[in-house]
Amino acid sequence: MSQTIINRIEESIRNNWERQALTDFNGVSFQYRDIARKVAKLHILFENAKVRKGDKIAICGKNSSQWVVAFIASVTYGAVTVPILHEFKADNIHHLMAHSEAKLLFIEDAIWENLDPEYMPDLQGAVKLGDFSLLMSRDPELTMAREHLNEMFGKKYPERFTPDDVVYHHPEPDEVMLINYTSGSTGFSKGVMLCYSSIWSNVEYCIKWIKFLEPGDSLVCMLPLAHMYGLSMEMIFPFVQGCHLYFLTRVPSPRVILEAFATVKPKLIITVPLIIEKIVKTKIFPKLETPTMKVLLRLPIIDDRILAKVNQGLIDAFGGNVHEIIVGGAGLNQEVEEFLMRIGFPITTGYGMTECGPLISYAPASIHRLRSCGRCVDRMECRIDSPDPENIPGELQVRGMNVMKGYFKNPEATESVFKDGWMSTGDLCTMDSEGFIFIRGRNKNMILGPSGQNIYPEEIEQKLNNLPYVGESIVVEKGGRLVALIYPDIEIATKDGVISNIEKIMEDNVNELNKELPAYSQITKPIVHYQEFEKTPKRSIKRYLYQD
């Protein structure tokens, strides 16, 4: 591995010196040279705070340009970065700070106000993400360095700061680059140790297969940077390609996102299914349900022309320049996916997990197969623990360069997922003869039927989510029976004037669904939830909260 992820970062900053790099939507904007200067100043701060290579630096805040600067400064210094989700409660942040032994913390002041330094014994200083001022210091040298930082920078670079000054620490490939604490649908938070080689492998794969992305191209970053999907795919990969990254400063609702797409005109969109499904269901499907359109869609000659027009309309809605949309984090609604593939829309589904930094499988939109999440990525191997992997689901196991070093300070959890060098993903899958992977469900979610049948709740939920006024659902076992918890599409139901009758509609939906299901997997009753289900950062429902 002659090239490293640090090489990639160095080269991108030098080669794109005058290009725009980071922009907070409707806010500040930085060129690559600005990033280099800020990183150099933070390195001086780290040195004076006696941060050693391998020490932990945590970052906690909403997506922003300054978040990225703090991250790049930390990893290029040789520190181990600890991204912490800003949605975490104070006691959770206290626990992760203490567990990770973080020495410095970059944090938003509004989050810091709710924290108590007494619960973070290793912390030497807290740095405000907005302007990198000190919120707290336990080290006089750190305090003095921050007060005289510009002066110290001037002494270190007395002439002027140039691309030649962008020279960073190059660690060994198997050194830990970051610890990412999972916030999964099972409810247990573990510190995933990812090496420099893992992030390099993920990024190199993207460079090889997503060839249309070029220096100067713009992207809208919607996923949390504290989650590996957003960090690797939406930030590190396009950054080393010399792209211009925009960060949303508001809650990423479909309206806000579509406004951003219209302004930025991204070539590549990386997102979770919920956003795509919401846009398609609210902006496109209603237009296709008109009597005239239904008639036209049945005509074979006009059909293709109409579908091409619908496809172009959808591309325009995403900014007019999109080459590919990659969906990950959960499966795309089958009805939406079938429709998008039918009209030739450039969408594909990838699959991964925090423990692989995150990539496990992907296929370009040009060869994407319905319900598949692609093929095993480079420098990785995938196998299905099943006597007949094409037809009988088994647990997907992986090994290779992307796989984590283990869980930080948790050898028992590490040992439990590794066997003979293979890591268990916990996902039940099949794999066809050409290596395309199809996810059937989570091993932990599988429900055993009354006569020993395997029931995959995700498959039932996919069908249920296609029925009228269903926003999202989860199927759980209660007292030996299957129950569907349903969050209705409140917005559309209210608009159509049926919200007062929503529980009867859901009963009818379940009755209709049961006609398609075998007796052992039929739903006993629906329970309507009027509040959205709690989600993980990748927008998966936290199922464990609803099991009892």
Protein backbone atom coordinates (compact mmCIF):
# COMPACT_ATOMS: atom_id res chain seq x y z
CA MET A 1 0.00 0.00 0.00
CA SER A 2 2.28 2.79 -1.25
CA GLN A 3 -0.52 5.40 -1.15
CA THR A 4 -2.09 6.29 2.23
CA ILE A 5 -5.17 8.22 3.28
CA ILE A 6 -2.89 10.96 4.65
CA ASN A 7 -1.15 11.16 1.23
CA ARG A 8 -4.56 11.60 -0.34
CA ILE A 9 -5.47 14.45 2.02
CA GLU A 10 -2.10 16.18 1.48
CA GLU A 11 -2.32 15.91 -2.31
CA SER A 12 -5.90 17.15 -2.43
CA ILE A 13 -5.07 20.27 -0.38
CA ARG A 14 -1.97 21.04 -2.47
CA ASN A 15 -3.58 20.34 -5.86
CA ASN A 16 -6.80 22.23 -5.11
CA TRP A 17 -5.25 25.14 -3.21
CA GLU A 18 -7.45 27.85 -4.79
CA ARG A 19 -10.66 25.80 -5.05
CA GLN A 20 -13.64 26.11 -2.74
CA ALA A 21 -13.58 23.27 -0.21
CA LEU A 22 -16.21 23.65 2.53
CA THR A 23 -19.37 25.76 2.81
CA ASP A 24 -22.00 25.99 5.52
CA PHE A 25 -25.17 26.45 3.49
CA ASN A 26 -26.03 30.18 3.67
CA GLY A 27 -22.95 30.63 5.89
CA VAL A 28 -19.14 30.65 5.89
CA SER A 29 -17.05 29.21 3.07
CA PHE A 30 -13.41 28.05 2.97
CA GLN A 31 -10.95 27.27 0.19
CA TYR A 32 -8.55 24.34 0.44
CA ARG A 33 -5.75 26.76 1.33
CA ASP A 34 -7.88 28.08 4.24
CA ILE A 35 -8.24 24.52 5.51
CA ALA A 36 -4.45 24.08 5.35
CA ARG A 37 -3.82 27.23 7.41
CA LYS A 38 -6.41 26.30 10.03
CA VAL A 39 -5.00 22.76 10.28
CA ALA A 40 -1.46 24.14 10.71
CA LYS A 41 -2.63 26.40 13.55
CA LEU A 42 -4.44 23.55 15.28
CA HIS A 43 -1.30 21.41 15.02
CA ILE A 44 0.58 24.14 16.90
CA LEU A 45 -2.19 24.10 19.51
CA PHE A 46 -1.95 20.30 19.84
CA GLU A 47 1.84 20.45 20.23
CA ASN A 48 1.60 23.00 23.03
CA ALA A 49 -1.17 21.03 24.73
CA LYS A 50 1.27 18.09 24.71
CA VAL A 51 -1.05 15.95 22.62
CA ARG A 52 1.03 12.95 21.58
CA LYS A 53 0.55 10.75 18.52
CA GLY A 54 -2.15 8.24 19.42
CA ASP A 55 -3.86 10.47 22.00
CA LYS A 56 -7.63 10.84 21.59
CA ILE A 57 -9.31 14.01 20.30
CA ALA A 58 -13.13 14.01 20.37
CA ILE A 59 -15.47 16.07 18.16
CA CYS A 60 -19.11 16.70 19.08
CA GLY A 61 -21.35 19.00 17.05
CA LYS A 62 -23.70 19.33 14.10
CA ASN A 63 -22.24 19.01 10.60
CA SER A 64 -20.22 22.10 9.70
CA SER A 65 -17.07 23.25 7.94
CA GLN A 66 -15.32 23.69 11.29
CA TRP A 67 -16.18 20.09 12.24
CA VAL A 68 -14.31 18.93 9.13
CA VAL A 69 -11.33 21.20 9.91
CA ALA A 70 -11.10 19.74 13.43
CA PHE A 71 -11.26 16.20 12.03
CA ILE A 72 -8.60 16.75 9.35
CA ALA A 73 -6.33 18.49 11.86
CA SER A 74 -6.66 15.57 14.29
CA VAL A 75 -6.03 12.71 11.85
CA THR A 76 -3.16 14.48 10.04
CA TYR A 77 -1.49 15.13 13.40
CA GLY A 78 -1.57 11.42 14.24
CA ALA A 79 -4.18 11.66 16.99
CA VAL A 80 -7.01 9.13 17.26
CA THR A 81 -10.25 10.95 16.45
CA VAL A 82 -13.42 10.19 18.41
CA PRO A 83 -16.55 11.53 16.63
CA ILE A 84 -19.51 11.84 19.03
CA LEU A 85 -23.08 12.38 17.84
CA HIS A 86 -24.39 15.76 18.93
CA GLU A 87 -27.82 14.23 19.60
CA PHE A 88 -26.42 12.17 22.48
CA LYS A 89 -27.59 13.15 25.97
CA ALA A 90 -25.10 14.64 28.45
CA ASP A 91 -24.63 11.43 30.45
CA ASN A 92 -23.90 9.53 27.24
CA ILE A 93 -21.29 12.09 26.18
CA HIS A 94 -19.72 11.96 29.65
CA HIS A 95 -19.50 8.17 29.39
CA LEU A 96 -17.95 8.19 25.90
CA MET A 97 -15.44 10.90 26.83
CA ALA A 98 -14.35 8.95 29.91
CA HIS A 99 -14.31 5.60 28.09
CA SER A 100 -12.29 6.94 25.14
CA GLU A 101 -9.84 8.82 27.41
CA ALA A 102 -10.10 11.85 25.10
CA LYS A 103 -7.60 14.60 25.90
CA LEU A 104 -9.18 17.37 23.82
CA LEU A 105 -12.80 17.99 22.85
CA PHE A 106 -14.05 20.12 19.94
CA ILE A 107 -17.66 20.94 20.78
CA GLU A 108 -20.50 23.39 20.20
CA ASP A 109 -20.93 25.76 23.12
CA ALA A 110 -24.67 24.95 23.38
CA ILE A 111 -23.78 21.27 24.01
CA TRP A 112 -20.91 22.14 26.32
CA GLU A 113 -23.25 24.13 28.59
CA ASN A 114 -24.96 20.88 29.59
CA LEU A 115 -21.75 18.98 30.39
CA ASP A 116 -19.75 18.68 33.61
CA PRO A 117 -15.93 18.45 33.22
CA GLU A 118 -15.78 16.48 36.48
CA TYR A 119 -17.15 13.47 34.59
CA MET A 120 -14.36 13.74 31.99
CA PRO A 121 -11.17 13.15 34.01
CA ASP A 122 -8.73 12.87 31.06
CA LEU A 123 -9.93 16.07 29.37
CA GLN A 124 -7.27 18.81 29.19
CA GLY A 125 -9.28 21.31 27.18
CA ALA A 126 -12.56 21.97 25.36
CA VAL A 127 -12.45 23.96 22.11
CA LYS A 128 -15.48 25.76 20.66
CA LEU A 129 -16.26 24.47 17.17
CA GLY A 130 -17.45 27.84 15.90
CA ASP A 131 -14.19 29.80 16.26
CA PHE A 132 -11.80 27.38 18.01
CA SER A 133 -11.72 29.50 21.17
CA LEU A 134 -11.23 27.73 24.50
CA LEU A 135 -14.33 26.82 26.50
CA MET A 136 -12.29 25.15 29.23
CA SER A 137 -8.62 24.50 29.92
CA ARG A 138 -6.88 22.49 32.63
CA ASP A 139 -3.45 23.19 31.10
CA PRO A 140 -1.78 26.64 31.37
CA GLU A 141 0.34 25.91 28.29
CA LEU A 142 -2.78 25.16 26.24
CA THR A 143 -4.33 28.43 27.44
CA MET A 144 -1.20 30.43 26.56
CA ALA A 145 -0.88 28.75 23.15
CA ARG A 146 -4.47 29.60 22.25
CA GLU A 147 -3.97 33.24 23.30
CA HIS A 148 -0.82 33.58 21.16
CA LEU A 149 -1.73 31.18 18.34
CA ASN A 150 -1.51 33.67 15.45
CA GLU A 151 1.83 34.94 16.74
CA MET A 152 3.19 31.39 17.02
CA PHE A 153 1.94 30.60 13.51
CA GLY A 154 3.76 33.68 12.17
CA LYS A 155 7.02 32.60 13.81
CA LYS A 156 6.77 29.06 12.42
CA TYR A 157 5.98 30.32 8.88
CA PRO A 158 7.76 33.72 8.70
CA GLU A 159 7.50 34.14 4.92
CA ARG A 160 4.15 32.86 3.75
CA PHE A 161 2.26 29.61 4.10
CA THR A 162 2.41 27.63 0.82
CA PRO A 163 1.34 24.22 -0.51
CA ASP A 164 4.88 22.99 0.22
CA ASP A 165 4.16 23.45 3.94
CA VAL A 166 1.38 20.84 3.78
CA VAL A 167 3.37 17.91 5.15
CA TYR A 168 1.64 15.69 7.69
CA HIS A 169 2.38 12.78 10.01
CA HIS A 170 2.31 9.40 8.23
CA PRO A 171 1.37 6.57 10.59
CA GLU A 172 1.61 2.85 9.94
CA PRO A 173 -1.42 1.42 8.05
CA ASP A 174 -2.48 -0.75 11.02
CA GLU A 175 -2.48 2.13 13.52
CA VAL A 176 -5.89 3.20 14.79
CA MET A 177 -7.15 6.34 13.00
CA LEU A 178 -10.47 6.76 14.79
CA ILE A 179 -12.82 5.24 17.33
CA ASN A 180 -16.44 5.42 16.21
CA TYR A 181 -19.07 4.64 18.80
CA THR A 182 -21.95 2.77 17.23
CA SER A 183 -25.49 3.92 17.87
CA GLY A 184 -27.31 1.02 16.33
CA SER A 185 -30.81 -0.37 16.34
CA THR A 186 -29.82 -2.88 19.08
CA GLY A 187 -29.14 -0.13 21.62
CA PHE A 188 -25.58 -1.00 22.66
CA SER A 189 -22.79 1.53 22.04
CA LYS A 190 -19.35 0.05 21.35
CA GLY A 191 -16.16 1.87 20.30
CA VAL A 192 -15.18 0.57 16.85
CA MET A 193 -11.42 0.91 16.23
CA LEU A 194 -10.76 1.64 12.55
CA CYS A 195 -7.23 1.75 11.18
CA TYR A 196 -5.79 4.12 8.57
CA SER A 197 -5.74 1.18 6.15
CA SER A 198 -9.51 0.66 6.54
CA ILE A 199 -10.37 4.26 5.65
CA TRP A 200 -7.80 4.21 2.81
CA SER A 201 -9.37 1.03 1.39
CA ASN A 202 -12.88 2.52 1.54
CA VAL A 203 -11.80 5.73 -0.18
CA GLU A 204 -9.70 3.98 -2.85
CA TYR A 205 -12.70 1.82 -3.75
CA CYS A 206 -14.86 4.92 -4.24
CA ILE A 207 -12.18 6.61 -6.36
CA LYS A 208 -12.02 3.52 -8.58
CA TRP A 209 -15.76 2.96 -9.04
CA ILE A 210 -17.32 6.42 -8.78
CA LYS A 211 -15.29 7.77 -11.67
CA PHE A 212 -17.51 10.68 -12.67
CA LEU A 213 -16.67 12.78 -9.59
CA GLU A 214 -14.07 15.46 -10.44
CA PRO A 215 -12.25 18.31 -8.66
CA GLY A 216 -14.58 21.27 -8.31
CA ASP A 217 -17.78 19.19 -8.27
CA SER A 218 -20.21 20.05 -5.47
CA LEU A 219 -21.99 17.79 -2.98
CA VAL A 220 -24.67 18.34 -0.35
CA CYS A 221 -23.67 16.57 2.88
CA MET A 222 -26.81 15.41 4.70
CA LEU A 223 -25.59 12.44 6.75
CA PRO A 224 -24.08 12.86 10.25
CA LEU A 225 -20.29 13.23 10.10
CA ALA A 226 -20.10 11.39 13.42
CA HIS A 227 -21.41 8.28 11.61
CA MET A 228 -19.08 6.30 9.31
CA TYR A 229 -21.44 6.42 6.31
CA GLY A 230 -21.40 10.23 6.34
CA LEU A 231 -17.76 10.56 7.39
CA SER A 232 -16.18 8.22 4.81
CA MET A 233 -18.55 8.43 1.86
CA GLU A 234 -19.87 11.98 2.03
CA MET A 235 -16.85 13.80 3.42
CA ILE A 236 -13.44 12.08 3.19
CA PHE A 237 -13.94 10.58 -0.29
CA PRO A 238 -15.13 13.79 -2.03
CA PHE A 239 -12.62 15.90 -0.06
CA VAL A 240 -9.65 13.92 -1.39
CA GLN A 241 -11.18 14.29 -4.87
CA GLY A 242 -11.03 18.08 -4.59
CA CYS A 243 -14.79 18.57 -4.36
CA HIS A 244 -16.76 21.41 -2.77
CA LEU A 245 -18.81 20.19 0.20
CA TYR A 246 -21.94 21.98 1.41
CA PHE A 247 -23.29 21.37 4.92
CA LEU A 248 -26.96 21.93 5.76
CA THR A 249 -27.40 24.13 8.80
CA ARG A 250 -31.06 23.21 9.31
CA VAL A 251 -32.95 19.96 9.88
CA PRO A 252 -32.72 18.11 6.52
CA SER A 253 -36.42 18.06 5.62
CA PRO A 254 -37.32 17.26 1.97
CA ARG A 255 -38.05 20.96 1.34
CA VAL A 256 -34.69 22.11 2.72
CA ILE A 257 -32.86 19.34 0.84
CA LEU A 258 -34.53 20.13 -2.50
CA GLU A 259 -33.65 23.81 -2.05
CA ALA A 260 -30.02 22.81 -1.49
CA PHE A 261 -30.01 20.52 -4.55
CA ALA A 262 -31.38 23.34 -6.73
CA THR A 263 -28.53 25.62 -5.59
CA VAL A 264 -25.63 23.15 -5.47
CA LYS A 265 -26.59 20.92 -8.46
CA PRO A 266 -24.71 17.85 -7.14
CA LYS A 267 -23.41 15.10 -9.42
CA LEU A 268 -23.45 12.56 -6.60
CA ILE A 269 -26.02 12.20 -3.82
CA ILE A 270 -25.38 9.87 -0.89
CA THR A 271 -28.35 9.43 1.39
CA VAL A 272 -30.69 7.16 3.33
CA PRO A 273 -33.92 5.65 1.88
CA LEU A 274 -36.30 7.78 3.93
CA ILE A 275 -35.34 11.00 2.11
CA ILE A 276 -35.65 9.49 -1.38
CA GLU A 277 -38.93 7.74 -0.55
CA LYS A 278 -40.46 10.90 0.86
CA ILE A 279 -39.53 12.96 -2.21
CA VAL A 280 -40.76 10.33 -4.69
CA LYS A 281 -44.00 9.61 -2.81
CA THR A 282 -44.92 13.28 -2.34
CA LYS A 283 -43.56 14.86 -5.55
CA ILE A 284 -43.89 12.14 -8.21
CA PHE A 285 -46.43 9.44 -7.33
CA PRO A 286 -49.41 11.82 -6.99
CA LYS A 287 -48.83 13.07 -10.56
CA LEU A 288 -48.88 9.50 -11.87
CA GLU A 289 -52.18 8.75 -10.13
CA THR A 290 -54.26 11.18 -12.25
CA PRO A 291 -56.80 9.46 -14.56
CA THR A 292 -55.10 10.80 -17.72
CA MET A 293 -51.65 9.64 -16.64
CA LYS A 294 -52.93 6.17 -15.71
CA VAL A 295 -54.36 5.75 -19.22
CA LEU A 296 -51.21 7.04 -20.91
CA LEU A 297 -48.96 4.74 -18.89
CA ARG A 298 -50.86 1.73 -20.25
CA LEU A 299 -50.05 2.69 -23.85
CA PRO A 300 -46.84 0.88 -24.91
CA ILE A 301 -45.65 3.50 -27.44
CA ILE A 302 -46.24 6.62 -25.37
CA ASP A 303 -45.19 4.80 -22.20
CA ASP A 304 -41.42 5.11 -22.75
CA ARG A 305 -41.66 8.77 -23.66
CA ILE A 306 -43.69 9.55 -20.55
CA LEU A 307 -41.30 7.60 -18.34
CA ALA A 308 -38.35 9.46 -19.84
CA LYS A 309 -40.10 12.74 -19.08
CA VAL A 310 -40.82 11.63 -15.50
CA ASN A 311 -37.17 10.59 -15.15
CA GLN A 312 -35.96 14.00 -16.33
CA GLY A 313 -38.40 15.72 -13.99
CA LEU A 314 -37.00 13.77 -11.06
CA ILE A 315 -33.40 14.51 -12.09
CA ASP A 316 -34.34 18.20 -12.28
CA ALA A 317 -35.81 17.97 -8.76
CA PHE A 318 -32.41 16.74 -7.55
CA GLY A 319 -30.64 19.72 -9.12
CA GLY A 320 -30.51 18.66 -12.78
CA ASN A 321 -26.93 17.35 -12.71
CA VAL A 322 -27.15 14.10 -10.74
CA HIS A 323 -25.19 11.14 -12.19
CA GLU A 324 -25.93 8.72 -9.37
CA ILE A 325 -27.77 8.47 -6.05
CA ILE A 326 -26.38 5.94 -3.59
CA VAL A 327 -28.77 4.77 -0.88
CA GLY A 328 -27.48 3.02 2.22
CA GLY A 329 -28.24 2.45 5.89
CA ALA A 330 -31.44 0.50 5.19
CA GLY A 331 -33.31 -1.08 2.29
CA LEU A 332 -35.16 1.12 -0.20
CA ASN A 333 -38.94 0.72 -0.34
CA GLN A 334 -39.61 -1.91 -3.02
CA GLU A 335 -42.36 0.04 -4.79
CA VAL A 336 -40.15 3.14 -4.99
CA GLU A 337 -37.11 1.13 -6.13
CA GLU A 338 -39.08 -0.68 -8.86
CA PHE A 339 -40.47 2.62 -10.11
CA LEU A 340 -37.06 4.35 -10.18
CA MET A 341 -35.47 1.43 -12.04
CA ARG A 342 -38.38 1.34 -14.51
CA ILE A 343 -37.91 5.00 -15.47
CA GLY A 344 -34.12 4.57 -15.73
CA PHE A 345 -33.28 6.79 -12.78
CA PRO A 346 -29.59 6.41 -11.72
CA ILE A 347 -30.09 4.96 -8.26
CA THR A 348 -28.24 2.17 -6.51
CA THR A 349 -28.01 0.65 -3.04
CA GLY A 350 -24.85 0.05 -1.06
CA TYR A 351 -24.38 -1.85 2.19
CA GLY A 352 -21.98 -1.60 5.07
CA MET A 353 -21.55 -1.21 8.78
CA THR A 354 -19.48 0.91 11.15
CA GLU A 355 -17.15 -2.05 11.75
CA CYS A 356 -16.06 -1.93 8.08
CA GLY A 357 -15.57 1.80 7.86
CA PRO A 358 -18.33 1.28 6.41
CA LEU A 359 -18.26 -0.39 2.97
CA ILE A 360 -19.06 -4.08 2.42
CA SER A 361 -20.87 -4.07 -0.93
CA TYR A 362 -21.89 -1.76 -3.78
CA ALA A 363 -22.63 -1.82 -7.51
CA PRO A 364 -22.85 1.18 -9.86
CA ALA A 365 -26.39 2.19 -10.89
CA SER A 366 -25.73 0.88 -14.41
CA ILE A 367 -25.61 -2.72 -13.14
CA HIS A 368 -27.75 -2.44 -10.01
CA ARG A 369 -30.19 -5.31 -9.46
CA LEU A 370 -33.59 -4.94 -7.83
CA ARG A 371 -33.51 -5.61 -4.04
CA SER A 372 -29.74 -6.15 -4.14
CA CYS A 373 -27.13 -4.13 -2.26
CA GLY A 374 -24.35 -4.81 -4.76
CA ARG A 375 -21.28 -7.01 -4.75
CA CYS A 376 -18.44 -7.35 -2.26
CA VAL A 377 -16.04 -4.40 -2.50
CA ASP A 378 -12.31 -4.61 -3.31
CA ARG A 379 -9.89 -5.97 -0.70
CA MET A 380 -12.80 -7.71 1.05
CA GLU A 381 -14.32 -11.20 1.03
CA CYS A 382 -17.95 -12.06 1.76
CA ARG A 383 -19.52 -15.46 2.44
CA ILE A 384 -22.95 -16.68 3.51
CA ASP A 385 -23.18 -19.17 6.38
CA SER A 386 -25.78 -21.36 4.64
CA PRO A 387 -25.89 -24.79 2.96
CA ASP A 388 -27.46 -23.10 -0.09
CA PRO A 389 -26.42 -19.40 -0.16
CA GLU A 390 -28.48 -18.65 -3.29
CA ASN A 391 -31.78 -19.80 -1.80
CA ILE A 392 -31.49 -20.26 1.97
CA PRO A 393 -30.60 -17.11 3.96
CA GLY A 394 -27.63 -17.32 6.25
CA GLU A 395 -25.54 -14.85 8.19
CA LEU A 396 -23.18 -12.76 6.07
CA GLN A 397 -19.57 -12.97 7.22
CA VAL A 398 -16.73 -10.73 6.02
CA ARG A 399 -12.98 -10.36 6.21
CA GLY A 400 -10.44 -8.06 4.62
CA MET A 401 -8.82 -4.64 4.83
CA ASN A 402 -11.98 -2.68 5.66
CA VAL A 403 -12.71 -4.69 8.81
CA MET A 404 -12.11 -3.05 12.20
CA LYS A 405 -9.26 -3.81 14.57
CA GLY A 406 -11.80 -4.55 17.32
CA TYR A 407 -13.94 -2.83 19.95
CA PHE A 408 -12.02 -0.40 22.17
CA LYS A 409 -11.44 -1.82 25.68
CA ASN A 410 -13.99 -4.57 24.99
CA PRO A 411 -12.19 -7.84 24.12
CA GLU A 412 -15.28 -9.92 24.91
CA ALA A 413 -17.41 -8.09 22.34
CA THR A 414 -14.55 -8.29 19.82
CA GLU A 415 -14.16 -12.03 20.34
CA SER A 416 -17.92 -12.58 19.99
CA VAL A 417 -18.04 -11.26 16.38
CA PHE A 418 -14.84 -12.91 15.06
CA LYS A 419 -14.44 -16.57 14.24
CA ASP A 420 -11.51 -18.03 12.25
CA GLY A 421 -10.67 -14.55 10.95
CA TRP A 422 -14.21 -13.86 9.68
CA MET A 423 -16.42 -11.16 11.20
CA SER A 424 -20.13 -11.81 11.68
CA THR A 425 -22.32 -8.97 10.41
CA GLY A 426 -25.55 -10.10 12.08
CA ASP A 427 -27.37 -9.73 8.75
CA LEU A 428 -29.18 -12.62 7.07
CA CYS A 429 -28.52 -12.66 3.33
CA THR A 430 -28.52 -14.66 0.13
CA MET A 431 -25.99 -14.27 -2.69
CA ASP A 432 -26.60 -15.07 -6.35
CA SER A 433 -24.18 -16.81 -8.72
CA GLU A 434 -22.69 -13.45 -9.79
CA GLY A 435 -21.98 -12.30 -6.26
CA PHE A 436 -24.89 -9.89 -5.78
CA ILE A 437 -25.95 -9.77 -2.13
CA PHE A 438 -29.61 -9.66 -1.04
CA ILE A 439 -30.37 -8.79 2.59
CA ARG A 440 -33.29 -10.69 4.12
CA GLY A 441 -33.15 -9.26 7.65
CA ARG A 442 -31.20 -8.92 10.87
CA ASN A 443 -30.30 -12.16 12.62
CA LYS A 444 -31.39 -10.59 15.92
CA ASN A 445 -34.73 -9.49 14.42
CA MET A 446 -35.70 -12.89 13.04
CA ILE A 447 -38.85 -14.26 14.70
CA LEU A 448 -39.37 -17.99 15.11
CA GLY A 449 -42.85 -19.01 13.92
CA PRO A 450 -45.19 -21.38 15.82
CA SER A 451 -43.88 -24.44 13.96
CA GLY A 452 -40.25 -23.32 13.73
CA GLN A 453 -40.64 -21.16 10.60
CA ASN A 454 -38.20 -18.27 10.12
CA ILE A 455 -40.12 -15.00 9.91
CA TYR A 456 -38.21 -11.95 8.64
CA PRO A 457 -40.10 -8.86 9.89
CA GLU A 458 -38.32 -6.57 7.40
CA GLU A 459 -39.95 -8.42 4.48
CA ILE A 460 -43.44 -7.92 5.97
CA GLU A 461 -42.67 -4.27 6.71
CA GLN A 462 -41.65 -3.65 3.09
CA LYS A 463 -45.08 -4.81 1.91
CA LEU A 464 -46.91 -2.91 4.63
CA ASN A 465 -45.05 0.33 3.87
CA ASN A 466 -46.45 0.26 0.31
CA LEU A 467 -50.06 0.41 1.51
CA PRO A 468 -52.11 3.64 1.69
CA TYR A 469 -51.10 6.24 4.28
CA VAL A 470 -48.42 4.06 5.90
CA GLY A 471 -45.36 6.18 6.67
CA GLU A 472 -43.24 3.47 8.26
CA SER A 473 -43.75 0.36 10.35
CA ILE A 474 -42.12 -2.30 12.46
CA VAL A 475 -43.39 -5.83 13.03
CA VAL A 476 -42.75 -7.26 16.50
CA GLU A 477 -43.79 -10.32 18.48
CA LYS A 478 -46.09 -9.73 21.45
CA GLY A 479 -47.45 -12.67 23.45
CA GLY A 480 -46.62 -15.15 20.69
CA ARG A 481 -48.42 -13.08 18.02
CA LEU A 482 -47.22 -10.68 15.36
CA VAL A 483 -48.21 -7.04 15.79
CA ALA A 484 -47.58 -4.18 13.35
CA LEU A 485 -46.62 -0.83 14.88
CA ILE A 486 -47.46 1.80 12.25
CA TYR A 487 -46.55 5.47 12.03
CA PRO A 488 -48.96 6.92 9.43
CA ASP A 489 -48.02 9.50 6.83
CA ILE A 490 -49.68 12.26 8.85
CA GLU A 491 -49.03 14.96 6.26
CA ILE A 492 -50.75 13.17 3.36
CA ALA A 493 -53.55 11.74 5.52
CA THR A 494 -54.34 15.23 6.82
CA LYS A 495 -54.18 16.73 3.33
CA ASP A 496 -56.61 14.06 2.05
CA GLY A 497 -58.97 14.59 5.00
CA VAL A 498 -58.76 10.99 6.31
CA ILE A 499 -56.68 11.48 9.47
CA SER A 500 -59.71 11.00 11.75
CA ASN A 501 -60.28 7.57 10.17
CA ILE A 502 -56.63 6.50 10.14
CA GLU A 503 -56.94 3.56 12.57
CA LYS A 504 -59.71 1.96 10.48
CA ILE A 505 -57.57 2.47 7.35
CA MET A 506 -54.66 0.69 9.03
CA GLU A 507 -56.91 -2.22 10.01
CA ASP A 508 -58.00 -2.51 6.37
CA ASN A 509 -54.34 -2.35 5.29
CA VAL A 510 -53.42 -5.24 7.59
CA ASN A 511 -56.39 -7.31 6.40
CA GLU A 512 -55.28 -6.70 2.80
CA LEU A 513 -51.66 -7.57 3.62
CA ASN A 514 -52.64 -10.82 5.38
CA LYS A 515 -54.16 -12.11 2.13
CA GLU A 516 -50.61 -12.20 0.70
CA LEU A 517 -48.92 -13.74 3.76
CA PRO A 518 -48.73 -17.37 4.87
CA ALA A 519 -50.77 -18.14 8.00
CA TYR A 520 -47.73 -18.31 10.30
CA SER A 521 -46.56 -14.74 9.46
CA GLN A 522 -49.90 -12.92 9.41
CA ILE A 523 -50.38 -9.78 11.48
CA THR A 524 -52.82 -10.05 14.40
CA LYS A 525 -53.48 -6.33 14.68
CA PRO A 526 -52.05 -2.90 13.91
CA ILE A 527 -51.12 -0.38 16.61
CA VAL A 528 -50.99 3.19 15.33
CA HIS A 529 -48.18 5.42 16.62
CA TYR A 530 -48.80 9.14 16.25
CA GLN A 531 -45.18 10.05 16.93
CA GLU A 532 -42.34 9.11 14.59
CA PHE A 533 -40.27 6.11 15.72
CA GLU A 534 -36.93 6.92 17.31
CA LYS A 535 -34.08 6.56 14.83
CA THR A 536 -30.35 5.88 14.68
CA PRO A 537 -28.15 8.39 12.77
CA LYS A 538 -28.58 6.37 9.58
CA ARG A 539 -32.36 6.62 10.03
CA SER A 540 -32.95 3.00 11.04
CA ILE A 541 -35.67 2.53 13.65
CA LYS A 542 -34.33 1.72 17.13
CA ARG A 543 -36.25 -1.55 17.22
CA TYR A 544 -35.18 -2.52 20.73
CA LEU A 545 -37.26 0.36 22.13
CA TYR A 546 -40.44 -1.22 20.74
CA GLN A 547 -39.90 -4.93 21.35
CA ASP A 548 -41.66 -5.08 24.73
